Amino acid sequence: MILIGKILVSAEIIEKRFSCNILECRGRCCCEGYGGAPLEPSEVPVLEEILPMVSKYLRKSSIEKIKDNGPWCKNIWGGFEILLDDIGWCVFAVEKDGIIRCAIEAAWQDKNIAFKKPISCHLYPIRIRKFGFFEGLVYERWDICRYNTDQEAPLLYEFASDALERKYGNEFVEKLRNLKYGHKE
């Protein structure tokens, strides 16, 4: 782990290559797993606010589930996560042409909302973990997400640089870049 400010960063994030091939995985990260995508506390009211604009993109089963339970829930650790529907999909997951996509991101792309999607989804396959007083960034490998080791693929921090900048700022991403290329901070 590398310490940048108060953020611990797994070395894999600056050493490993990654590119998402949605045509291969078909977006299964939105409909498989043991829980919903983690939410930051500040994202909970945002989900409530954007729900009316995002609803038109949702599956009927998701609309019913959200109507009964809301779009998020508390997990066993007391944190927040996006609600899953009865078949285990994220309630914001929608299928189009055999590919699972995010309804929140679709509404953002259509310029109906200003919120792209939860930061945990935007960062994926990087996950934020708590290590005492520190946040840690780790590379979450999953067999449905076949990372790309091809030398043409971007480094993981480059792949997720927009999300990293959104969460931690441009200076943080520059520090990652400097670490990779051996520059002193």
C-alpha atoms as a PDB file:
ATOM      1  CA  MET A   1       0.000   0.000   0.000  1.00  0.00           C
ATOM      2  CA  ILE A   2       1.117   3.524  -0.796  1.00  0.00           C
ATOM      3  CA  LEU A   3       0.025   6.454   1.361  1.00  0.00           C
ATOM      4  CA  ILE A   4      -1.093   9.630  -0.428  1.00  0.00           C
ATOM      5  CA  GLY A   5      -2.310  12.125   2.146  1.00  0.00           C
ATOM      6  CA  LYS A   6      -4.738  10.053   4.207  1.00  0.00           C
ATOM      7  CA  ILE A   7      -5.548   7.624   1.390  1.00  0.00           C
ATOM      8  CA  LEU A   8      -3.916   4.191   1.223  1.00  0.00           C
ATOM      9  CA  VAL A   9      -3.583   3.009  -2.375  1.00  0.00           C
ATOM     10  CA  SER A  10      -2.940  -0.587  -3.370  1.00  0.00           C
ATOM     11  CA  ALA A  11       0.119  -0.799  -5.630  1.00  0.00           C
ATOM     12  CA  GLU A  12      -1.993  -2.769  -8.124  1.00  0.00           C
ATOM     13  CA  ILE A  13      -3.908   0.404  -8.927  1.00  0.00           C
ATOM     14  CA  ILE A  14      -0.830   1.976 -10.485  1.00  0.00           C
ATOM     15  CA  GLU A  15       0.740  -1.247 -11.792  1.00  0.00           C
ATOM     16  CA  LYS A  16      -2.064  -3.358 -13.295  1.00  0.00           C
ATOM     17  CA  ARG A  17      -3.806  -2.782 -16.588  1.00  0.00           C
ATOM     18  CA  PHE A  18      -7.566  -2.801 -16.929  1.00  0.00           C
ATOM     19  CA  SER A  19     -10.224  -2.095 -19.501  1.00  0.00           C
ATOM     20  CA  CYS A  20     -13.910  -2.852 -19.314  1.00  0.00           C
ATOM     21  CA  ASN A  21     -15.279  -4.957 -22.151  1.00  0.00           C
ATOM     22  CA  ILE A  22     -19.029  -4.523 -21.724  1.00  0.00           C
ATOM     23  CA  LEU A  23     -19.689  -6.632 -24.832  1.00  0.00           C
ATOM     24  CA  GLU A  24     -18.003  -9.584 -23.128  1.00  0.00           C
ATOM     25  CA  CYS A  25     -19.334  -9.261 -19.576  1.00  0.00           C
ATOM     26  CA  ARG A  26     -22.726  -7.801 -20.645  1.00  0.00           C
ATOM     27  CA  GLY A  27     -22.785  -5.569 -17.525  1.00  0.00           C
ATOM     28  CA  ARG A  28     -23.110  -8.453 -15.066  1.00  0.00           C
ATOM     29  CA  CYS A  29     -21.484  -6.393 -12.283  1.00  0.00           C
ATOM     30  CA  CYS A  30     -24.857  -4.619 -11.938  1.00  0.00           C
ATOM     31  CA  CYS A  31     -26.849  -7.802 -11.510  1.00  0.00           C
ATOM     32  CA  GLU A  32     -24.642 -10.251  -9.635  1.00  0.00           C
ATOM     33  CA  GLY A  33     -23.073 -10.153  -6.222  1.00  0.00           C
ATOM     34  CA  TYR A  34     -23.931 -10.338  -2.559  1.00  0.00           C
ATOM     35  CA  GLY A  35     -25.131  -6.773  -1.969  1.00  0.00           C
ATOM     36  CA  GLY A  36     -25.955  -3.485  -3.582  1.00  0.00           C
ATOM     37  CA  ALA A  37     -23.355  -0.922  -4.592  1.00  0.00           C
ATOM     38  CA  PRO A  38     -22.025   1.015  -1.591  1.00  0.00           C
ATOM     39  CA  LEU A  39     -23.314   4.568  -1.194  1.00  0.00           C
ATOM     40  CA  GLU A  40     -21.690   7.490   0.524  1.00  0.00           C
ATOM     41  CA  PRO A  41     -24.007   9.140   3.072  1.00  0.00           C
ATOM     42  CA  SER A  42     -24.106  12.283   0.902  1.00  0.00           C
ATOM     43  CA  GLU A  43     -25.434  10.226  -2.039  1.00  0.00           C
ATOM     44  CA  VAL A  44     -28.555   9.000  -0.193  1.00  0.00           C
ATOM     45  CA  PRO A  45     -30.487  12.309  -0.502  1.00  0.00           C
ATOM     46  CA  VAL A  46     -29.254  12.660  -4.099  1.00  0.00           C
ATOM     47  CA  LEU A  47     -30.857   9.329  -5.001  1.00  0.00           C
ATOM     48  CA  GLU A  48     -34.110  10.478  -3.430  1.00  0.00           C
ATOM     49  CA  GLU A  49     -33.959  13.760  -5.371  1.00  0.00           C
ATOM     50  CA  ILE A  50     -33.214  12.242  -8.798  1.00  0.00           C
ATOM     51  CA  LEU A  51     -35.605   9.316  -8.478  1.00  0.00           C
ATOM     52  CA  PRO A  52     -38.506  11.035 -10.304  1.00  0.00           C
ATOM     53  CA  MET A  53     -36.258  11.759 -13.323  1.00  0.00           C
ATOM     54  CA  VAL A  54     -34.676   8.283 -13.323  1.00  0.00           C
ATOM     55  CA  SER A  55     -37.937   6.361 -12.866  1.00  0.00           C
ATOM     56  CA  LYS A  56     -38.837   6.524 -16.542  1.00  0.00           C
ATOM     57  CA  TYR A  57     -35.729   4.433 -17.305  1.00  0.00           C
ATOM     58  CA  LEU A  58     -36.446   1.707 -14.731  1.00  0.00           C
ATOM     59  CA  ARG A  59     -37.908  -1.763 -15.084  1.00  0.00           C
ATOM     60  CA  LYS A  60     -41.426  -2.198 -13.697  1.00  0.00           C
ATOM     61  CA  SER A  61     -40.142  -4.612 -11.033  1.00  0.00           C
ATOM     62  CA  SER A  62     -37.618  -1.988  -9.861  1.00  0.00           C
ATOM     63  CA  ILE A  63     -40.280   0.707  -9.654  1.00  0.00           C
ATOM     64  CA  GLU A  64     -42.406  -1.573  -7.469  1.00  0.00           C
ATOM     65  CA  LYS A  65     -39.454  -2.521  -5.255  1.00  0.00           C
ATOM     66  CA  ILE A  66     -38.458   1.131  -4.813  1.00  0.00           C
ATOM     67  CA  LYS A  67     -42.078   2.111  -4.136  1.00  0.00           C
ATOM     68  CA  ASP A  68     -42.197  -0.445  -1.305  1.00  0.00           C
ATOM     69  CA  ASN A  69     -38.670   0.025   0.117  1.00  0.00           C
ATOM     70  CA  GLY A  70     -37.003   3.137  -1.320  1.00  0.00           C
ATOM     71  CA  PRO A  71     -33.916   3.072  -3.566  1.00  0.00           C
ATOM     72  CA  TRP A  72     -31.368   2.270  -0.840  1.00  0.00           C
ATOM     73  CA  CYS A  73     -31.002   0.271   2.351  1.00  0.00           C
ATOM     74  CA  LYS A  74     -28.633  -0.015   5.286  1.00  0.00           C
ATOM     75  CA  ASN A  75     -26.190  -2.898   5.189  1.00  0.00           C
ATOM     76  CA  ILE A  76     -25.149  -5.064   8.128  1.00  0.00           C
ATOM     77  CA  TRP A  77     -22.259  -2.697   8.949  1.00  0.00           C
ATOM     78  CA  GLY A  78     -24.544   0.331   9.182  1.00  0.00           C
ATOM     79  CA  GLY A  79     -23.507   1.785   5.827  1.00  0.00           C
ATOM     80  CA  PHE A  80     -25.746   2.531   2.881  1.00  0.00           C
ATOM     81  CA  GLU A  81     -26.104   0.594  -0.348  1.00  0.00           C
ATOM     82  CA  ILE A  82     -28.350   0.568  -3.380  1.00  0.00           C
ATOM     83  CA  LEU A  83     -31.324  -1.728  -3.003  1.00  0.00           C
ATOM     84  CA  LEU A  84     -31.397  -4.990  -4.932  1.00  0.00           C
ATOM     85  CA  ASP A  85     -34.585  -6.234  -6.543  1.00  0.00           C
ATOM     86  CA  ASP A  86     -36.105  -9.674  -5.966  1.00  0.00           C
ATOM     87  CA  ILE A  87     -33.842 -11.341  -8.550  1.00  0.00           C
ATOM     88  CA  GLY A  88     -30.668  -9.768  -7.128  1.00  0.00           C
ATOM     89  CA  TRP A  89     -30.204  -6.978  -9.651  1.00  0.00           C
ATOM     90  CA  CYS A  90     -29.435  -3.406  -8.673  1.00  0.00           C
ATOM     91  CA  VAL A  91     -32.786  -1.598  -8.798  1.00  0.00           C
ATOM     92  CA  PHE A  92     -31.176   0.874 -11.226  1.00  0.00           C
ATOM     93  CA  ALA A  93     -29.992  -1.867 -13.618  1.00  0.00           C
ATOM     94  CA  VAL A  94     -31.751  -1.954 -16.967  1.00  0.00           C
ATOM     95  CA  GLU A  95     -31.246  -4.244 -19.928  1.00  0.00           C
ATOM     96  CA  LYS A  96     -31.032  -3.036 -23.485  1.00  0.00           C
ATOM     97  CA  ASP A  97     -29.929  -5.223 -26.388  1.00  0.00           C
ATOM     98  CA  GLY A  98     -28.726  -7.907 -23.976  1.00  0.00           C
ATOM     99  CA  ILE A  99     -26.447  -5.544 -22.029  1.00  0.00           C
ATOM    100  CA  ILE A 100     -27.111  -4.410 -18.476  1.00  0.00           C
ATOM    101  CA  ARG A 101     -26.651  -0.677 -17.995  1.00  0.00           C
ATOM    102  CA  CYS A 102     -27.277   1.893 -15.286  1.00  0.00           C
ATOM    103  CA  ALA A 103     -30.541   3.873 -15.431  1.00  0.00           C
ATOM    104  CA  ILE A 104     -28.941   6.684 -13.422  1.00  0.00           C
ATOM    105  CA  GLU A 105     -26.134   7.005 -15.952  1.00  0.00           C
ATOM    106  CA  ALA A 106     -28.632   6.850 -18.840  1.00  0.00           C
ATOM    107  CA  ALA A 107     -30.572   9.767 -17.326  1.00  0.00           C
ATOM    108  CA  TRP A 108     -27.273  11.649 -16.878  1.00  0.00           C
ATOM    109  CA  GLN A 109     -26.236  10.960 -20.488  1.00  0.00           C
ATOM    110  CA  ASP A 110     -29.623  12.280 -21.641  1.00  0.00           C
ATOM    111  CA  LYS A 111     -28.915  15.419 -19.542  1.00  0.00           C
ATOM    112  CA  ASN A 112     -31.972  14.828 -17.357  1.00  0.00           C
ATOM    113  CA  ILE A 113     -29.884  14.859 -14.160  1.00  0.00           C
ATOM    114  CA  ALA A 114     -26.473  16.226 -13.101  1.00  0.00           C
ATOM    115  CA  PHE A 115     -25.459  13.152 -11.029  1.00  0.00           C
ATOM    116  CA  LYS A 116     -23.565  10.569 -13.115  1.00  0.00           C
ATOM    117  CA  LYS A 117     -23.910   7.599 -10.748  1.00  0.00           C
ATOM    118  CA  PRO A 118     -22.744   6.605  -7.262  1.00  0.00           C
ATOM    119  CA  ILE A 119     -19.001   7.021  -6.832  1.00  0.00           C
ATOM    120  CA  SER A 120     -18.555   3.325  -5.968  1.00  0.00           C
ATOM    121  CA  CYS A 121     -20.002   2.400  -9.370  1.00  0.00           C
ATOM    122  CA  HIS A 122     -17.943   5.050 -11.151  1.00  0.00           C
ATOM    123  CA  LEU A 123     -14.713   3.836  -9.494  1.00  0.00           C
ATOM    124  CA  TYR A 124     -15.308   0.139 -10.135  1.00  0.00           C
ATOM    125  CA  PRO A 125     -13.221  -2.119 -10.125  1.00  0.00           C
ATOM    126  CA  ILE A 126     -11.550   0.074  -7.531  1.00  0.00           C
ATOM    127  CA  ARG A 127     -13.253  -0.205  -4.165  1.00  0.00           C
ATOM    128  CA  ILE A 128     -12.959   2.058  -1.145  1.00  0.00           C
ATOM    129  CA  ARG A 129     -12.227   0.217   2.100  1.00  0.00           C
ATOM    130  CA  LYS A 130     -11.873   1.619   5.620  1.00  0.00           C
ATOM    131  CA  PHE A 131      -8.600   0.965   7.448  1.00  0.00           C
ATOM    132  CA  GLY A 132      -9.000   2.599  10.832  1.00  0.00           C
ATOM    133  CA  PHE A 133      -8.713   6.343  10.237  1.00  0.00           C
ATOM    134  CA  PHE A 134      -7.685   5.816   6.629  1.00  0.00           C
ATOM    135  CA  GLU A 135      -9.559   5.144   3.426  1.00  0.00           C
ATOM    136  CA  GLY A 136      -7.949   2.536   1.250  1.00  0.00           C
ATOM    137  CA  LEU A 137      -8.314   1.986  -2.462  1.00  0.00           C
ATOM    138  CA  VAL A 138      -8.094  -1.643  -3.534  1.00  0.00           C
ATOM    139  CA  TYR A 139      -8.444  -3.467  -6.812  1.00  0.00           C
ATOM    140  CA  GLU A 140     -11.470  -5.753  -6.547  1.00  0.00           C
ATOM    141  CA  ARG A 141     -11.005  -8.627  -8.932  1.00  0.00           C
ATOM    142  CA  TRP A 142     -14.081 -10.548  -9.954  1.00  0.00           C
ATOM    143  CA  ASP A 143     -14.240 -13.476 -12.337  1.00  0.00           C
ATOM    144  CA  ILE A 144     -17.085 -11.914 -14.349  1.00  0.00           C
ATOM    145  CA  CYS A 145     -14.909  -8.867 -14.962  1.00  0.00           C
ATOM    146  CA  ARG A 146     -12.002 -10.114 -17.017  1.00  0.00           C
ATOM    147  CA  TYR A 147      -9.377  -7.483 -16.634  1.00  0.00           C
ATOM    148  CA  ASN A 148      -7.152  -6.793 -19.602  1.00  0.00           C
ATOM    149  CA  THR A 149      -3.450  -7.492 -19.278  1.00  0.00           C
ATOM    150  CA  ASP A 150      -2.783  -6.347 -22.833  1.00  0.00           C
ATOM    151  CA  GLN A 151      -0.057  -3.703 -22.845  1.00  0.00           C
ATOM    152  CA  GLU A 152      -2.395  -1.463 -24.842  1.00  0.00           C
ATOM    153  CA  ALA A 153      -4.937  -1.360 -22.005  1.00  0.00           C
ATOM    154  CA  PRO A 154      -4.698   1.634 -19.646  1.00  0.00           C
ATOM    155  CA  LEU A 155      -3.331   1.271 -16.166  1.00  0.00           C
ATOM    156  CA  LEU A 156      -6.125   0.851 -13.638  1.00  0.00           C
ATOM    157  CA  TYR A 157      -5.761   4.365 -12.196  1.00  0.00           C
ATOM    158  CA  GLU A 158      -5.871   5.752 -15.744  1.00  0.00           C
ATOM    159  CA  PHE A 159      -9.020   3.747 -16.527  1.00  0.00           C
ATOM    160  CA  ALA A 160     -10.672   5.178 -13.393  1.00  0.00           C
ATOM    161  CA  SER A 161      -9.056   8.631 -13.488  1.00  0.00           C
ATOM    162  CA  ASP A 162     -12.347  10.543 -14.014  1.00  0.00           C
ATOM    163  CA  ALA A 163     -13.876   8.824 -10.986  1.00  0.00           C
ATOM    164  CA  LEU A 164     -10.706   9.242  -8.901  1.00  0.00           C
ATOM    165  CA  GLU A 165     -10.647  12.943  -9.753  1.00  0.00           C
ATOM    166  CA  ARG A 166     -14.354  13.256  -8.930  1.00  0.00           C
ATOM    167  CA  LYS A 167     -13.764  11.663  -5.515  1.00  0.00           C
ATOM    168  CA  TYR A 168     -10.308  12.958  -4.513  1.00  0.00           C
ATOM    169  CA  GLY A 169      -9.430  15.781  -6.916  1.00  0.00           C
ATOM    170  CA  ASN A 170      -6.986  16.334  -9.762  1.00  0.00           C
ATOM    171  CA  GLU A 171      -3.998  16.672  -7.426  1.00  0.00           C
ATOM    172  CA  PHE A 172      -4.557  13.122  -6.153  1.00  0.00           C
ATOM    173  CA  VAL A 173      -4.610  11.700  -9.702  1.00  0.00           C
ATOM    174  CA  GLU A 174      -1.436  13.649 -10.525  1.00  0.00           C
ATOM    175  CA  LYS A 175       0.265  12.113  -7.482  1.00  0.00           C
ATOM    176  CA  LEU A 176      -0.694   8.645  -8.735  1.00  0.00           C
ATOM    177  CA  ARG A 177       0.713   9.515 -12.153  1.00  0.00           C
ATOM    178  CA  ASN A 178       3.937  10.794 -10.572  1.00  0.00           C
ATOM    179  CA  LEU A 179       4.284   7.601  -8.520  1.00  0.00           C
ATOM    180  CA  LYS A 180       3.916   5.492 -11.629  1.00  0.00           C
ATOM    181  CA  TYR A 181       6.550   7.413 -13.514  1.00  0.00           C
ATOM    182  CA  GLY A 182       8.939   7.778 -10.599  1.00  0.00           C
ATOM    183  CA  HIS A 183       8.636  11.516  -9.989  1.00  0.00           C
ATOM    184  CA  LYS A 184       9.128  12.830  -6.495  1.00  0.00           C
ATOM    185  CA  GLU A 185       6.118  14.362  -4.748  1.00  0.00           C
END
